[in-house]
Amino acid sequence: MKKYDEEMVDLLTYVKPSKYRKDILKALENEKLKIPSEIAIEIGTITSHVSSHLTGLKERNLITCINENARKGRLYHITSKGKAVLKHLKTKENIDKK
């Protein structure tokens, strides 16, 4: 059985139950900078849902905003920690499909 550190368990516990959190990380996975409305269109929800989840993901250092002081057009991208969480989730999803 694979060992997980406590921080990774906390992050997985935060992301895994939420389809939106997972989808937002996946939308940012290719390392392109995206604004909340682009993410919303890509994952099929409204911008306010995305914005509220971006706050939580940012607080946990899974994503970062590169222009925090901008009032509109804030650009987000995934962090290495966010990529690690996605990797763990994808491994689990692939196991579940078998």
Protein backbone atom coordinates (compact mmCIF):
# COMPACT_ATOMS: atom_id res chain seq x y z
CA MET A 1 0.00 0.00 0.00
CA LYS A 2 1.23 3.46 -0.91
CA LYS A 3 2.12 5.81 1.95
CA TYR A 4 0.84 9.38 1.93
CA ASP A 5 2.13 12.20 4.05
CA GLU A 6 -0.35 14.02 6.26
CA GLU A 7 -0.44 17.13 4.05
CA MET A 8 -1.28 15.10 0.94
CA VAL A 9 -4.07 13.30 2.80
CA ASP A 10 -5.52 16.66 3.87
CA LEU A 11 -5.35 17.99 0.32
CA LEU A 12 -6.91 14.88 -1.18
CA THR A 13 -9.64 15.02 1.46
CA TYR A 14 -10.37 18.60 0.41
CA VAL A 15 -10.31 18.08 -3.37
CA LYS A 16 -11.71 14.57 -3.92
CA PRO A 17 -15.31 15.12 -2.71
CA SER A 18 -15.82 18.13 -4.99
CA LYS A 19 -16.36 17.67 -8.72
CA TYR A 20 -15.72 21.40 -9.21
CA ARG A 21 -12.39 21.40 -7.37
CA LYS A 22 -11.19 18.41 -9.39
CA ASP A 23 -12.40 19.93 -12.64
CA ILE A 24 -10.73 23.27 -11.91
CA LEU A 25 -7.40 21.57 -11.27
CA LYS A 26 -7.82 19.55 -14.47
CA ALA A 27 -8.65 22.73 -16.41
CA LEU A 28 -5.39 24.28 -15.22
CA GLU A 29 -3.35 21.10 -15.63
CA ASN A 30 -1.87 22.04 -19.01
CA GLU A 31 -0.17 25.03 -17.33
CA LYS A 32 -1.93 27.65 -19.44
CA LEU A 33 -2.97 30.77 -17.59
CA LYS A 34 -6.74 31.06 -17.35
CA ILE A 35 -9.24 33.53 -15.99
CA PRO A 36 -12.24 32.30 -13.96
CA SER A 37 -14.73 32.75 -16.81
CA GLU A 38 -12.60 30.56 -19.11
CA ILE A 39 -12.45 27.87 -16.45
CA ALA A 40 -16.22 28.12 -15.91
CA ILE A 41 -16.92 27.61 -19.62
CA GLU A 42 -14.50 24.69 -19.80
CA ILE A 43 -16.00 22.83 -16.85
CA GLY A 44 -19.61 23.78 -17.56
CA THR A 45 -20.56 25.91 -14.58
CA ILE A 46 -20.98 29.57 -13.65
CA THR A 47 -18.11 31.91 -12.87
CA SER A 48 -19.22 32.52 -9.26
CA HIS A 49 -18.90 28.78 -8.50
CA VAL A 50 -15.40 28.77 -9.95
CA SER A 51 -14.39 31.91 -8.07
CA SER A 52 -15.42 30.51 -4.70
CA HIS A 53 -13.51 27.29 -5.30
CA LEU A 54 -10.45 29.16 -6.59
CA THR A 55 -10.19 30.87 -3.21
CA GLY A 56 -10.01 27.56 -1.34
CA LEU A 57 -7.61 26.00 -3.83
CA LYS A 58 -5.38 29.08 -3.60
CA GLU A 59 -5.41 29.03 0.22
CA ARG A 60 -4.09 25.46 0.07
CA ASN A 61 -1.41 26.40 -2.47
CA LEU A 62 -2.85 24.12 -5.14
CA ILE A 63 -3.14 27.03 -7.55
CA THR A 64 -1.74 30.53 -7.66
CA CYS A 65 -2.89 33.85 -9.05
CA ILE A 66 -0.12 35.68 -10.88
CA ASN A 67 -1.82 39.10 -10.87
CA GLU A 68 -3.50 39.20 -7.47
CA ASN A 69 -4.01 42.97 -7.53
CA ALA A 70 -6.01 42.95 -10.76
CA ARG A 71 -9.68 43.70 -10.25
CA LYS A 72 -10.68 41.85 -13.42
CA GLY A 73 -8.92 39.24 -15.49
CA ARG A 74 -7.04 37.49 -12.69
CA LEU A 75 -4.83 34.78 -14.16
CA TYR A 76 -4.53 31.43 -12.41
CA HIS A 77 -2.27 28.45 -12.86
CA ILE A 78 -1.68 25.17 -11.10
CA THR A 79 1.22 24.68 -8.67
CA SER A 80 3.43 21.63 -8.32
CA LYS A 81 1.39 20.70 -5.24
CA GLY A 82 -1.79 20.90 -7.34
CA LYS A 83 -0.20 18.67 -9.97
CA ALA A 84 0.73 16.14 -7.28
CA VAL A 85 -2.87 16.03 -6.03
CA LEU A 86 -4.14 15.52 -9.58
CA LYS A 87 -1.64 12.73 -10.12
CA HIS A 88 -2.89 10.92 -7.00
CA LEU A 89 -6.52 11.41 -8.05
CA LYS A 90 -5.89 10.13 -11.56
CA THR A 91 -4.11 7.05 -10.21
CA LYS A 92 -7.11 6.33 -7.98
CA GLU A 93 -9.59 6.91 -10.84
CA ASN A 94 -7.70 4.49 -13.08
CA ILE A 95 -7.72 1.83 -10.36
CA ASP A 96 -11.47 2.28 -9.81
CA LYS A 97 -12.21 1.82 -13.53
CA LYS A 98 -10.58 -1.60 -13.68
